[in-house]
Amino acid sequence: MDNDATRKTPKLKAWLARRPDWHVHFTPASASWVNQVERWFAELTRKQLQHGVRRSTAELETDVATFIEAHNKNPKLYKWVKSADEILASRKRFCQRTELSLCSEL
């Protein structure tokens, strides 16, 4: 889960309390890169949508469908090539180098 406001609601807390076998993992608020679904949408944007001009929703839908069709012809799993510790260490080094305020969660 990456939506801080949603995961702290009493309704969700009660729902999770009734399901002790469920284990929720939280990602830092600034870590959308961790989410593989968002990674797929980033690829869609970069490869198909970023530099195009569309004059209607139908044109946008066509472009998205074209990307999905091409992607599904030769699908590849998104696979981590580094361990979580290696990724977090790299992020920490980047934050120290750049002194970004969004890195305060480390």
N, C-alpha and C. Protein backbone atom coordinates (compact mmCIF):
# COMPACT_ATOMS: atom_id res chain seq x y z
N MET A 1 0.84 -1.19 0.00
CA MET A 1 0.00 0.00 0.00
C MET A 1 0.88 1.23 0.00
N ASP A 2 0.45 2.22 -0.75
CA ASP A 2 1.24 3.44 -0.77
C ASP A 2 0.41 4.69 -0.52
N ASN A 3 -0.85 4.54 -0.21
CA ASN A 3 -1.69 5.70 0.07
C ASN A 3 -1.87 5.84 1.57
N ASP A 4 -1.13 6.75 2.16
CA ASP A 4 -1.10 6.90 3.61
C ASP A 4 -2.48 7.18 4.21
N ALA A 5 -3.23 8.05 3.56
CA ALA A 5 -4.55 8.40 4.11
C ALA A 5 -5.50 7.21 4.09
N THR A 6 -5.47 6.43 3.03
CA THR A 6 -6.37 5.29 2.91
C THR A 6 -6.05 4.20 3.92
N ARG A 7 -4.78 3.92 4.11
CA ARG A 7 -4.42 2.79 4.97
C ARG A 7 -4.62 3.06 6.44
N LYS A 8 -4.88 4.30 6.81
CA LYS A 8 -5.05 4.64 8.23
C LYS A 8 -6.51 4.83 8.63
N THR A 9 -7.43 4.57 7.73
CA THR A 9 -8.84 4.76 8.06
C THR A 9 -9.30 3.68 9.04
N PRO A 10 -10.19 4.03 9.96
CA PRO A 10 -10.71 3.03 10.90
C PRO A 10 -11.37 1.84 10.20
N LYS A 11 -12.05 2.10 9.09
CA LYS A 11 -12.73 1.03 8.36
C LYS A 11 -11.71 0.00 7.83
N LEU A 12 -10.60 0.47 7.27
CA LEU A 12 -9.59 -0.44 6.76
C LEU A 12 -8.88 -1.16 7.91
N LYS A 13 -8.59 -0.44 8.97
CA LYS A 13 -7.94 -1.08 10.13
C LYS A 13 -8.82 -2.21 10.68
N ALA A 14 -10.12 -1.97 10.76
CA ALA A 14 -11.04 -3.00 11.25
C ALA A 14 -11.10 -4.18 10.29
N TRP A 15 -11.10 -3.89 8.99
CA TRP A 15 -11.14 -4.94 7.98
C TRP A 15 -9.90 -5.83 8.10
N LEU A 16 -8.74 -5.22 8.24
CA LEU A 16 -7.51 -5.99 8.38
C LEU A 16 -7.45 -6.75 9.71
N ALA A 17 -8.00 -6.17 10.76
CA ALA A 17 -8.01 -6.84 12.07
C ALA A 17 -8.81 -8.15 12.02
N ARG A 18 -9.81 -8.21 11.15
CA ARG A 18 -10.61 -9.43 11.00
C ARG A 18 -9.91 -10.48 10.12
N ARG A 19 -8.77 -10.13 9.58
CA ARG A 19 -8.03 -11.03 8.68
C ARG A 19 -6.58 -11.16 9.14
N PRO A 20 -6.35 -11.88 10.22
CA PRO A 20 -4.99 -11.97 10.78
C PRO A 20 -3.97 -12.65 9.85
N ASP A 21 -4.43 -13.38 8.86
CA ASP A 21 -3.50 -14.02 7.93
C ASP A 21 -3.00 -13.07 6.84
N TRP A 22 -3.62 -11.90 6.74
CA TRP A 22 -3.21 -10.93 5.74
C TRP A 22 -2.03 -10.12 6.29
N HIS A 23 -1.02 -9.95 5.48
CA HIS A 23 0.15 -9.16 5.87
C HIS A 23 0.30 -8.02 4.86
N VAL A 24 0.14 -6.83 5.33
CA VAL A 24 0.18 -5.67 4.46
C VAL A 24 1.59 -5.10 4.46
N HIS A 25 2.05 -4.74 3.27
CA HIS A 25 3.37 -4.12 3.13
C HIS A 25 3.18 -2.69 2.65
N PHE A 26 3.86 -1.79 3.30
CA PHE A 26 3.72 -0.37 2.97
C PHE A 26 4.96 0.11 2.24
N THR A 27 4.75 0.88 1.19
CA THR A 27 5.88 1.49 0.49
C THR A 27 5.97 2.94 0.93
N PRO A 28 7.15 3.50 0.93
CA PRO A 28 7.28 4.92 1.27
C PRO A 28 6.46 5.78 0.31
N ALA A 29 5.98 6.90 0.79
CA ALA A 29 5.12 7.76 -0.02
C ALA A 29 5.79 8.19 -1.33
N SER A 30 7.08 8.34 -1.32
CA SER A 30 7.78 8.81 -2.53
C SER A 30 8.35 7.66 -3.35
N ALA A 31 7.87 6.45 -3.14
CA ALA A 31 8.47 5.29 -3.79
C ALA A 31 7.54 4.61 -4.78
N SER A 32 6.89 5.39 -5.64
CA SER A 32 6.01 4.76 -6.62
C SER A 32 6.79 3.85 -7.56
N TRP A 33 8.11 4.07 -7.65
CA TRP A 33 8.96 3.23 -8.50
C TRP A 33 8.97 1.78 -8.03
N VAL A 34 8.57 1.54 -6.78
CA VAL A 34 8.55 0.18 -6.24
C VAL A 34 7.40 -0.63 -6.86
N ASN A 35 6.35 0.05 -7.23
CA ASN A 35 5.14 -0.59 -7.72
C ASN A 35 5.30 -0.98 -9.19
N GLN A 36 5.24 -2.27 -9.48
CA GLN A 36 5.45 -2.76 -10.85
C GLN A 36 4.33 -2.32 -11.80
N VAL A 37 3.14 -2.11 -11.29
CA VAL A 37 2.05 -1.64 -12.15
C VAL A 37 2.35 -0.22 -12.62
N GLU A 38 2.84 0.61 -11.70
CA GLU A 38 3.20 1.96 -12.10
C GLU A 38 4.36 1.94 -13.09
N ARG A 39 5.24 0.97 -12.96
CA ARG A 39 6.34 0.81 -13.91
C ARG A 39 5.80 0.54 -15.31
N TRP A 40 4.74 -0.29 -15.40
CA TRP A 40 4.13 -0.58 -16.70
C TRP A 40 3.51 0.69 -17.30
N PHE A 41 2.82 1.46 -16.47
CA PHE A 41 2.22 2.70 -16.97
C PHE A 41 3.29 3.70 -17.40
N ALA A 42 4.42 3.71 -16.72
CA ALA A 42 5.53 4.59 -17.13
C ALA A 42 6.02 4.19 -18.52
N GLU A 43 6.10 2.90 -18.77
CA GLU A 43 6.53 2.41 -20.09
C GLU A 43 5.51 2.79 -21.16
N LEU A 44 4.23 2.63 -20.86
CA LEU A 44 3.17 3.04 -21.79
C LEU A 44 3.32 4.52 -22.12
N THR A 45 3.51 5.32 -21.11
CA THR A 45 3.64 6.76 -21.33
C THR A 45 4.86 7.09 -22.19
N ARG A 46 5.99 6.51 -21.82
CA ARG A 46 7.24 6.81 -22.52
C ARG A 46 7.22 6.32 -23.97
N LYS A 47 6.74 5.11 -24.19
CA LYS A 47 6.82 4.52 -25.52
C LYS A 47 5.66 4.89 -26.45
N GLN A 48 4.51 5.23 -25.89
CA GLN A 48 3.33 5.40 -26.75
C GLN A 48 2.67 6.77 -26.64
N LEU A 49 2.67 7.35 -25.46
CA LEU A 49 1.82 8.52 -25.26
C LEU A 49 2.57 9.85 -25.18
N GLN A 50 3.78 9.83 -24.73
CA GLN A 50 4.48 11.05 -24.34
C GLN A 50 4.55 12.12 -25.43
N HIS A 51 4.89 11.76 -26.63
CA HIS A 51 5.12 12.76 -27.66
C HIS A 51 4.00 12.85 -28.69
N GLY A 52 2.92 12.17 -28.43
CA GLY A 52 1.81 12.18 -29.39
C GLY A 52 0.82 13.30 -29.12
N VAL A 53 0.02 13.59 -30.12
CA VAL A 53 -1.05 14.57 -29.99
C VAL A 53 -2.35 13.86 -30.32
N ARG A 54 -3.29 13.95 -29.43
CA ARG A 54 -4.59 13.32 -29.64
C ARG A 54 -5.68 14.37 -29.53
N ARG A 55 -6.64 14.25 -30.40
CA ARG A 55 -7.71 15.26 -30.42
C ARG A 55 -9.00 14.76 -29.79
N SER A 56 -8.98 13.52 -29.32
CA SER A 56 -10.19 12.98 -28.70
C SER A 56 -9.84 11.84 -27.76
N THR A 57 -10.79 11.50 -26.92
CA THR A 57 -10.62 10.35 -26.03
C THR A 57 -10.51 9.07 -26.85
N ALA A 58 -11.23 9.00 -27.95
CA ALA A 58 -11.18 7.81 -28.81
C ALA A 58 -9.76 7.60 -29.35
N GLU A 59 -9.08 8.68 -29.75
CA GLU A 59 -7.71 8.57 -30.23
C GLU A 59 -6.78 8.08 -29.12
N LEU A 60 -6.99 8.58 -27.91
CA LEU A 60 -6.18 8.13 -26.77
C LEU A 60 -6.42 6.65 -26.51
N GLU A 61 -7.68 6.24 -26.50
CA GLU A 61 -8.01 4.83 -26.27
C GLU A 61 -7.38 3.94 -27.35
N THR A 62 -7.38 4.40 -28.59
CA THR A 62 -6.77 3.63 -29.68
C THR A 62 -5.28 3.47 -29.45
N ASP A 63 -4.60 4.55 -29.05
CA ASP A 63 -3.17 4.48 -28.80
C ASP A 63 -2.84 3.53 -27.64
N VAL A 64 -3.64 3.57 -26.59
CA VAL A 64 -3.42 2.67 -25.45
C VAL A 64 -3.64 1.22 -25.88
N ALA A 65 -4.71 0.97 -26.63
CA ALA A 65 -5.00 -0.39 -27.11
C ALA A 65 -3.89 -0.89 -28.03
N THR A 66 -3.34 0.00 -28.86
CA THR A 66 -2.23 -0.38 -29.75
C THR A 66 -1.02 -0.80 -28.94
N PHE A 67 -0.71 -0.04 -27.91
CA PHE A 67 0.43 -0.38 -27.06
C PHE A 67 0.21 -1.73 -26.37
N ILE A 68 -0.97 -1.93 -25.81
CA ILE A 68 -1.27 -3.18 -25.11
C ILE A 68 -1.15 -4.37 -26.07
N GLU A 69 -1.68 -4.23 -27.27
CA GLU A 69 -1.62 -5.31 -28.25
C GLU A 69 -0.16 -5.64 -28.60
N ALA A 70 0.64 -4.62 -28.84
CA ALA A 70 2.06 -4.84 -29.17
C ALA A 70 2.80 -5.44 -27.97
N HIS A 71 2.51 -4.93 -26.79
CA HIS A 71 3.17 -5.42 -25.58
C HIS A 71 2.83 -6.90 -25.34
N ASN A 72 1.59 -7.26 -25.57
CA ASN A 72 1.15 -8.63 -25.30
C ASN A 72 1.63 -9.65 -26.33
N LYS A 73 2.11 -9.18 -27.47
CA LYS A 73 2.66 -10.10 -28.46
C LYS A 73 3.96 -10.72 -27.98
N ASN A 74 4.70 -9.98 -27.19
CA ASN A 74 5.98 -10.47 -26.67
C ASN A 74 6.12 -10.00 -25.21
N PRO A 75 5.26 -10.51 -24.33
CA PRO A 75 5.27 -10.01 -22.95
C PRO A 75 6.54 -10.44 -22.20
N LYS A 76 6.98 -9.56 -21.33
CA LYS A 76 8.13 -9.85 -20.48
C LYS A 76 7.77 -9.48 -19.06
N LEU A 77 8.15 -10.33 -18.14
CA LEU A 77 7.91 -10.03 -16.73
C LEU A 77 8.80 -8.89 -16.29
N TYR A 78 8.27 -8.05 -15.43
CA TYR A 78 9.11 -7.06 -14.77
C TYR A 78 9.76 -7.79 -13.61
N LYS A 79 11.05 -7.81 -13.61
CA LYS A 79 11.76 -8.62 -12.63
C LYS A 79 12.84 -7.78 -11.98
N TRP A 80 12.86 -7.84 -10.65
CA TRP A 80 13.91 -7.13 -9.93
C TRP A 80 15.24 -7.80 -10.24
N VAL A 81 16.25 -7.00 -10.50
CA VAL A 81 17.58 -7.56 -10.75
C VAL A 81 18.51 -7.34 -9.56
N LYS A 82 18.02 -6.61 -8.58
CA LYS A 82 18.78 -6.37 -7.36
C LYS A 82 17.93 -6.72 -6.16
N SER A 83 18.58 -7.00 -5.06
CA SER A 83 17.83 -7.28 -3.83
C SER A 83 17.27 -5.98 -3.28
N ALA A 84 16.31 -6.09 -2.39
CA ALA A 84 15.73 -4.90 -1.74
C ALA A 84 16.82 -4.11 -1.02
N ASP A 85 17.74 -4.80 -0.36
CA ASP A 85 18.82 -4.11 0.34
C ASP A 85 19.69 -3.31 -0.61
N GLU A 86 19.99 -3.88 -1.79
CA GLU A 86 20.80 -3.16 -2.78
C GLU A 86 20.06 -1.92 -3.31
N ILE A 87 18.78 -2.06 -3.55
CA ILE A 87 17.98 -0.94 -4.05
C ILE A 87 17.91 0.17 -3.02
N LEU A 88 17.63 -0.19 -1.77
CA LEU A 88 17.53 0.81 -0.72
C LEU A 88 18.87 1.49 -0.45
N ALA A 89 19.95 0.74 -0.51
CA ALA A 89 21.28 1.32 -0.32
C ALA A 89 21.59 2.32 -1.44
N SER A 90 21.23 1.97 -2.66
CA SER A 90 21.45 2.87 -3.79
C SER A 90 20.63 4.14 -3.63
N ARG A 91 19.40 3.99 -3.21
CA ARG A 91 18.53 5.16 -2.99
C ARG A 91 19.10 6.04 -1.89
N LYS A 92 19.59 5.42 -0.85
CA LYS A 92 20.17 6.19 0.26
C LYS A 92 21.38 6.99 -0.20
N ARG A 93 22.25 6.36 -1.01
CA ARG A 93 23.42 7.07 -1.54
C ARG A 93 22.99 8.24 -2.41
N PHE A 94 21.96 8.04 -3.23
CA PHE A 94 21.45 9.11 -4.08
C PHE A 94 20.93 10.27 -3.22
N CYS A 95 20.18 9.94 -2.20
CA CYS A 95 19.62 10.97 -1.33
C CYS A 95 20.73 11.75 -0.62
N GLN A 96 21.75 11.06 -0.19
CA GLN A 96 22.86 11.74 0.49
C GLN A 96 23.60 12.66 -0.48
N ARG A 97 23.76 12.21 -1.72
CA ARG A 97 24.44 13.02 -2.73
C ARG A 97 23.65 14.26 -3.10
N THR A 98 22.35 14.12 -3.20
CA THR A 98 21.51 15.21 -3.70
C THR A 98 20.82 15.98 -2.59
N GLU A 99 20.83 15.44 -1.39
CA GLU A 99 20.19 16.07 -0.23
C GLU A 99 18.73 16.41 -0.49
N LEU A 100 18.04 15.49 -1.11
CA LEU A 100 16.62 15.71 -1.41
C LEU A 100 15.76 15.56 -0.16
N SER A 101 14.83 16.46 0.00
CA SER A 101 13.94 16.39 1.16
C SER A 101 13.01 15.19 1.08
N LEU A 102 12.66 14.73 -0.12
CA LEU A 102 11.76 13.60 -0.26
C LEU A 102 12.40 12.31 0.22
N CYS A 103 13.69 12.34 0.49
CA CYS A 103 14.39 11.15 0.96
C CYS A 103 14.41 11.05 2.49
N SER A 104 13.70 11.89 3.16
CA SER A 104 13.74 11.92 4.62
C SER A 104 13.19 10.67 5.26
N GLU A 105 12.53 9.82 4.47
CA GLU A 105 11.94 8.60 5.02
C GLU A 105 12.96 7.50 5.27
N LEU A 106 14.17 7.66 4.79
CA LEU A 106 15.19 6.61 4.95
C LEU A 106 15.72 6.58 6.36
